[in-house]
Amino acid sequence: MQTLAALLDEVRGCHLCDDLPLGPKPILQAARGAKILIAGQAPGAKTHDSGRPFDDVSGDRLRHWLGVDRASFYNPGHFAILPMGFCFPGTIIRQGRRQGDKPPRAECAVAWRERLLSHLPNIELTLVLGTYALDWHLPQHRGLTVEATDWQTHWPRLLVLPHPSPRNGLWLKRHPEFEADIIPRLQQRISALLSVN
C-alpha cells in the first residue's frame, strides 16, 4: 500500500487542472496521527501565493473559532486540512466586479479524497466548512444553516460550520447562537483532542 507521504507527493505534483488561472498548486496538509479533519472549499488567491492553507483572514477567524494558535493549526499531526479542491479555482467576475471565488474543481475530490482519507485512521472530529464540503460529507443534508444550527445531530464526530470568510458576516449576525453557544463547545472539544497524546 502507498504511504501517506508518497500520496501527498503525488497530490502536490497533480496537474489534472492545467487550465486554472494561476496554474495548479495543490495546497493541503495531513499526517497519519491527525485527530481533526478540516474539510473546506478551495484555497483562495492569498493562500495560493503563500502555499499554506487558510493563510488569510478566513484562517484568522477559523483559528479563533477553534481556539488554537498558528503553530498548533499548522501542525499536520493535529489538523489534516483537505479542501474539496486543492488549487485556487479562479474568481467569479460579474459586471466587472469580483464576486468571490469559483467553486472547487470537482475532479480533485474524485481523484484524491477517498485515497487521502483512507490514510487518516485517527480522525475523531470532522469540521465541514461551507456547502461544497457539506455536499460531499453529508450528501443527505438539510442545508448549511439547519446543519450548523442543529449542531448536536452529528456531534461529537462532525460539526458543520459556515465558511469563515468575511463574506459570511451577515449569516453570523443572523445566528448569534453560533458564536455564543456552539463555538465554546467546539473549543472545548478541540482542546480535549489536542491534549491527548
Protein backbone atom coordinates (compact mmCIF):
# COMPACT_ATOMS: atom_id res chain seq x y z
CA MET A 1 0.00 0.00 0.00
CA GLN A 2 1.21 3.51 -0.81
CA THR A 3 2.39 5.55 2.17
CA LEU A 4 0.73 8.84 3.05
CA ALA A 5 3.99 10.68 2.36
CA ALA A 6 4.15 9.20 -1.15
CA LEU A 7 0.49 10.03 -1.76
CA LEU A 8 0.98 13.63 -0.60
CA ASP A 9 3.92 13.94 -3.00
CA GLU A 10 1.71 12.62 -5.79
CA VAL A 11 -1.09 15.07 -4.91
CA ARG A 12 1.32 18.03 -4.77
CA GLY A 13 2.52 17.12 -8.26
CA CYS A 14 -1.04 16.93 -9.63
CA HIS A 15 -1.78 18.62 -12.97
CA LEU A 16 -5.35 17.42 -13.56
CA CYS A 17 -6.44 21.04 -13.98
CA ASP A 18 -3.82 22.68 -16.18
CA ASP A 19 -6.30 25.39 -17.20
CA LEU A 20 -6.50 27.06 -13.77
CA PRO A 21 -5.95 30.84 -13.89
CA LEU A 22 -2.88 30.72 -11.62
CA GLY A 23 -1.89 27.20 -12.60
CA PRO A 24 -2.03 24.07 -10.44
CA LYS A 25 -0.62 24.39 -6.92
CA PRO A 26 -2.25 21.84 -4.60
CA ILE A 27 -2.39 23.11 -1.01
CA LEU A 28 -3.21 20.72 1.82
CA GLN A 29 -1.75 19.23 4.97
CA ALA A 30 -2.10 15.83 6.60
CA ALA A 31 -0.33 13.34 8.84
CA ARG A 32 -1.43 9.89 9.92
CA GLY A 33 -1.81 10.96 13.55
CA ALA A 34 -4.16 13.89 12.85
CA LYS A 35 -7.27 13.83 15.03
CA ILE A 36 -9.16 16.71 13.41
CA LEU A 37 -10.09 17.00 9.74
CA ILE A 38 -10.91 20.39 8.28
CA ALA A 39 -12.90 19.95 5.07
CA GLY A 40 -13.10 23.32 3.35
CA GLN A 41 -13.80 24.60 -0.12
CA ALA A 42 -10.61 25.52 -2.02
CA PRO A 43 -7.64 27.81 -1.45
CA GLY A 44 -8.12 31.50 -2.17
CA ALA A 45 -5.69 33.66 -4.13
CA LYS A 46 -3.79 34.74 -0.98
CA THR A 47 -3.41 31.13 0.10
CA HIS A 48 -2.22 30.23 -3.39
CA ASP A 49 0.51 32.85 -3.05
CA SER A 50 1.65 31.72 0.41
CA GLY A 51 1.24 27.98 -0.16
CA ARG A 52 -0.30 27.48 3.31
CA PRO A 53 -3.96 26.56 3.85
CA PHE A 54 -6.12 29.25 5.45
CA ASP A 55 -3.26 31.75 5.44
CA ASP A 56 -5.68 34.68 5.18
CA VAL A 57 -8.45 36.47 7.11
CA SER A 58 -10.70 33.40 6.82
CA GLY A 59 -7.96 31.42 8.54
CA ASP A 60 -7.70 34.03 11.29
CA ARG A 61 -11.41 33.65 12.01
CA LEU A 62 -11.23 29.86 11.81
CA ARG A 63 -8.31 29.69 14.27
CA HIS A 64 -10.28 31.98 16.60
CA TRP A 65 -13.28 29.64 16.38
CA LEU A 66 -11.05 26.65 17.11
CA GLY A 67 -9.22 28.38 19.95
CA VAL A 68 -5.78 27.48 18.57
CA ASP A 69 -2.67 29.39 17.57
CA ARG A 70 -0.94 29.18 14.20
CA ALA A 71 1.67 26.68 15.43
CA SER A 72 -0.98 24.18 16.50
CA PHE A 73 -3.13 24.82 13.43
CA TYR A 74 -0.25 24.18 11.04
CA ASN A 75 0.84 21.02 12.85
CA PRO A 76 -0.33 18.23 10.50
CA GLY A 77 -0.27 15.84 13.44
CA HIS A 78 -3.12 17.91 14.92
CA PHE A 79 -5.08 19.07 11.89
CA ALA A 80 -5.49 17.47 8.49
CA ILE A 81 -6.63 20.21 6.10
CA LEU A 82 -8.18 18.75 2.97
CA PRO A 83 -10.32 21.17 0.99
CA MET A 84 -12.66 19.84 -1.67
CA GLY A 85 -10.36 21.36 -4.29
CA PHE A 86 -6.64 21.69 -3.59
CA CYS A 87 -5.93 24.54 -6.05
CA PHE A 88 -7.23 28.09 -6.38
CA PRO A 89 -10.13 27.73 -8.85
CA GLY A 90 -10.27 31.33 -10.05
CA THR A 91 -12.50 34.31 -9.42
CA ILE A 92 -16.10 34.95 -10.41
CA ILE A 93 -16.38 38.29 -12.18
CA ARG A 94 -19.81 39.81 -12.85
CA GLN A 95 -20.27 43.19 -14.48
CA GLY A 96 -16.58 43.89 -14.00
CA ARG A 97 -16.67 43.23 -10.23
CA ARG A 98 -15.17 40.41 -8.21
CA GLN A 99 -17.96 38.26 -6.76
CA GLY A 100 -15.91 35.67 -4.89
CA ASP A 101 -14.07 32.51 -5.85
CA LYS A 102 -15.28 29.90 -8.30
CA PRO A 103 -16.39 26.52 -6.93
CA PRO A 104 -13.70 23.92 -6.28
CA ARG A 105 -12.97 21.75 -9.30
CA ALA A 106 -14.94 18.52 -8.99
CA GLU A 107 -12.22 16.28 -10.44
CA CYS A 108 -10.00 16.97 -7.42
CA ALA A 109 -12.23 15.22 -4.88
CA VAL A 110 -12.90 12.38 -7.31
CA ALA A 111 -9.19 11.75 -7.83
CA TRP A 112 -7.84 12.22 -4.31
CA ARG A 113 -10.32 12.46 -1.45
CA GLU A 114 -11.04 8.80 -0.67
CA ARG A 115 -7.39 7.87 -1.08
CA LEU A 116 -6.25 10.55 1.36
CA LEU A 117 -8.97 9.85 3.92
CA SER A 118 -8.02 6.17 3.94
CA HIS A 119 -4.63 7.24 5.37
CA LEU A 120 -6.20 9.17 8.27
CA PRO A 121 -7.44 6.49 10.69
CA ASN A 122 -7.23 8.67 13.81
CA ILE A 123 -9.70 11.41 12.84
CA GLU A 124 -12.13 11.95 15.72
CA LEU A 125 -13.69 15.22 14.59
CA THR A 126 -14.50 16.42 11.08
CA LEU A 127 -15.22 20.11 10.59
CA VAL A 128 -17.26 20.71 7.46
CA LEU A 129 -16.89 24.27 6.17
CA GLY A 130 -19.31 25.51 3.56
CA THR A 131 -21.71 23.91 1.12
CA TYR A 132 -19.26 22.10 -1.18
CA ALA A 133 -17.76 20.15 1.72
CA LEU A 134 -21.26 19.63 3.14
CA ASP A 135 -22.44 18.08 -0.15
CA TRP A 136 -19.58 15.55 0.00
CA HIS A 137 -19.52 14.70 3.70
CA LEU A 138 -23.30 14.78 4.31
CA PRO A 139 -24.93 14.17 0.92
CA GLN A 140 -28.41 13.91 2.50
CA HIS A 141 -28.00 17.20 4.39
CA ARG A 142 -30.81 19.61 5.23
CA GLY A 143 -28.93 22.75 4.20
CA LEU A 144 -25.99 24.51 5.77
CA THR A 145 -27.99 26.68 8.16
CA VAL A 146 -30.04 23.78 9.52
CA GLU A 147 -27.00 21.52 9.89
CA ALA A 148 -24.91 24.26 11.53
CA THR A 149 -27.58 25.37 13.99
CA ASP A 150 -28.81 21.83 14.74
CA TRP A 151 -25.21 21.01 15.56
CA GLN A 152 -25.81 18.20 18.07
CA THR A 153 -27.12 15.86 15.34
CA HIS A 154 -23.64 14.69 14.33
CA TRP A 155 -21.71 15.81 17.42
CA PRO A 156 -19.06 14.95 18.62
CA ARG A 157 -17.78 13.27 15.40
CA LEU A 158 -18.76 16.00 12.91
CA LEU A 159 -19.64 19.68 13.04
CA VAL A 160 -20.92 21.80 10.18
CA LEU A 161 -19.63 25.38 10.15
CA PRO A 162 -20.34 28.28 7.86
CA HIS A 163 -17.28 29.18 5.84
CA PRO A 164 -15.19 31.58 7.98
CA SER A 165 -14.97 34.07 5.11
CA PRO A 166 -15.71 37.73 5.89
CA ARG A 167 -18.48 37.37 3.29
CA ASN A 168 -20.44 35.34 5.86
CA GLY A 169 -20.70 38.19 8.37
CA LEU A 170 -24.44 38.54 7.71
CA TRP A 171 -25.02 34.84 8.43
CA LEU A 172 -23.17 35.19 11.74
CA LYS A 173 -25.26 38.24 12.69
CA ARG A 174 -28.45 36.33 11.93
CA HIS A 175 -27.30 33.36 14.03
CA PRO A 176 -25.67 34.78 17.18
CA GLU A 177 -26.12 31.42 18.91
CA PHE A 178 -23.39 30.02 16.67
CA GLU A 179 -20.60 32.04 18.29
CA ALA A 180 -22.30 32.25 21.70
CA ASP A 181 -23.18 28.57 22.20
CA ILE A 182 -21.53 26.37 19.58
CA ILE A 183 -18.03 27.85 19.39
CA PRO A 184 -17.32 27.36 23.14
CA ARG A 185 -18.29 23.67 22.83
CA LEU A 186 -16.10 23.35 19.74
CA GLN A 187 -13.15 24.91 21.56
CA GLN A 188 -13.59 22.51 24.48
CA ARG A 189 -13.63 19.54 22.11
CA ILE A 190 -10.55 20.76 20.23
CA SER A 191 -8.66 21.36 23.47
CA ALA A 192 -9.52 17.86 24.73
CA LEU A 193 -8.46 16.21 21.47
CA LEU A 194 -5.17 18.06 21.30
CA SER A 195 -4.31 17.41 24.96
CA VAL A 196 -4.37 13.61 24.50
CA ASN A 197 -1.18 12.13 23.04
